[in-house]
């Protein structure tokens, strides 16, 4: 099955989008100004009717994709030597 073409739009007001557009049973309420990805045909429809404007894909947060450093399992304080010795 081919992937359906999509487009990003931002609604001008809090509009309801039918769940069938997303392949769901429940309708979704869109937030004004928030970019949302819709099927290209439906996106063109809401833009031509004036309910939304074309938008850019939102950028990922700057910290996305970075690996987290693992904390040392050695405890600090009185039990430090015993905990580190067990790891070795």
Protein backbone atom coordinates (compact mmCIF):
# COMPACT_ATOMS: atom_id res chain seq x y z
CA UNK A 1 0.00 0.00 0.00
CA UNK A 2 1.41 3.39 -0.97
CA UNK A 3 1.91 6.04 1.69
CA UNK A 4 -0.60 8.87 1.45
CA UNK A 5 0.79 12.34 0.67
CA UNK A 6 0.48 14.80 3.53
CA UNK A 7 0.74 18.54 4.08
CA UNK A 8 1.19 20.73 7.15
CA UNK A 9 -1.42 23.38 7.96
CA UNK A 10 -2.24 25.65 10.90
CA UNK A 11 -5.91 26.32 11.65
CA UNK A 12 -7.07 29.89 12.25
CA UNK A 13 -9.57 28.83 14.93
CA UNK A 14 -10.29 25.76 17.07
CA UNK A 15 -11.86 23.59 14.36
CA UNK A 16 -13.09 20.00 14.47
CA UNK A 17 -11.50 17.59 12.01
CA UNK A 18 -13.46 14.41 11.31
CA UNK A 19 -11.88 11.27 12.71
CA UNK A 20 -12.16 9.59 9.31
CA UNK A 21 -9.45 11.96 8.04
CA UNK A 22 -7.02 10.40 10.55
CA UNK A 23 -8.43 6.89 10.26
CA UNK A 24 -10.01 7.11 13.72
CA UNK A 25 -13.57 6.99 15.00
CA UNK A 26 -13.40 10.08 17.22
CA UNK A 27 -13.18 13.66 15.86
CA UNK A 28 -10.23 15.85 16.87
CA UNK A 29 -10.32 19.53 17.83
CA UNK A 30 -7.35 21.42 16.40
CA UNK A 31 -5.70 24.25 18.31
CA UNK A 32 -5.40 27.65 16.57
CA UNK A 33 -1.95 28.30 15.10
CA UNK A 34 -0.58 24.84 15.92
CA UNK A 35 0.87 23.02 12.87
CA UNK A 36 -0.83 19.72 12.13
CA UNK A 37 -0.13 17.11 9.43
CA UNK A 38 -3.16 16.23 7.30
CA UNK A 39 -3.72 14.28 4.10
CA UNK A 40 -2.82 16.57 1.18
CA UNK A 41 -6.33 16.61 -0.32
CA UNK A 42 -8.00 17.56 2.98
CA UNK A 43 -5.27 20.13 3.71
CA UNK A 44 -5.85 21.76 0.32
CA UNK A 45 -9.60 21.83 1.05
CA UNK A 46 -9.31 23.57 4.45
CA UNK A 47 -6.80 26.08 3.04
CA UNK A 48 -9.00 26.91 0.03
CA UNK A 49 -12.04 27.37 2.29
CA UNK A 50 -10.06 29.75 4.53
CA UNK A 51 -10.13 27.62 7.69
CA UNK A 52 -6.35 27.16 7.74
CA UNK A 53 -3.09 28.42 6.28
CA UNK A 54 -0.14 26.36 4.98
CA UNK A 55 2.47 25.76 7.67
CA UNK A 56 5.97 24.37 7.97
CA UNK A 57 6.80 21.12 9.71
CA UNK A 58 7.69 21.92 13.34
CA UNK A 59 11.36 21.56 14.27
CA UNK A 60 12.39 18.91 16.79
CA UNK A 61 13.57 20.20 20.20
CA UNK A 62 17.30 20.93 20.32
CA UNK A 63 17.98 18.10 22.79
CA UNK A 64 16.32 15.42 20.67
CA UNK A 65 18.45 12.49 19.64
CA UNK A 66 21.20 13.05 22.20
CA UNK A 67 22.24 10.11 24.33
CA UNK A 68 21.84 10.47 28.06
CA UNK A 69 24.88 9.91 30.20
CA UNK A 70 24.54 6.99 32.53
CA UNK A 71 25.05 7.76 36.18
CA UNK A 72 27.64 5.85 38.08
CA UNK A 73 26.18 3.10 40.20
CA UNK A 74 28.78 3.69 42.86
CA UNK A 75 27.22 5.34 45.87
CA UNK A 76 28.69 8.31 47.60
CA UNK A 77 29.45 8.48 51.27
CA UNK A 78 29.95 5.56 53.66
CA UNK A 79 28.95 2.74 51.31
CA UNK A 80 30.98 4.00 48.36
CA UNK A 81 33.98 1.69 48.60
CA UNK A 82 31.84 -1.40 49.06
CA UNK A 83 29.53 -0.59 46.14
CA UNK A 84 32.42 0.23 43.77
CA UNK A 85 34.35 -2.84 44.85
CA UNK A 86 31.39 -5.09 43.89
CA UNK A 87 31.36 -3.63 40.37
CA UNK A 88 35.02 -4.38 39.72
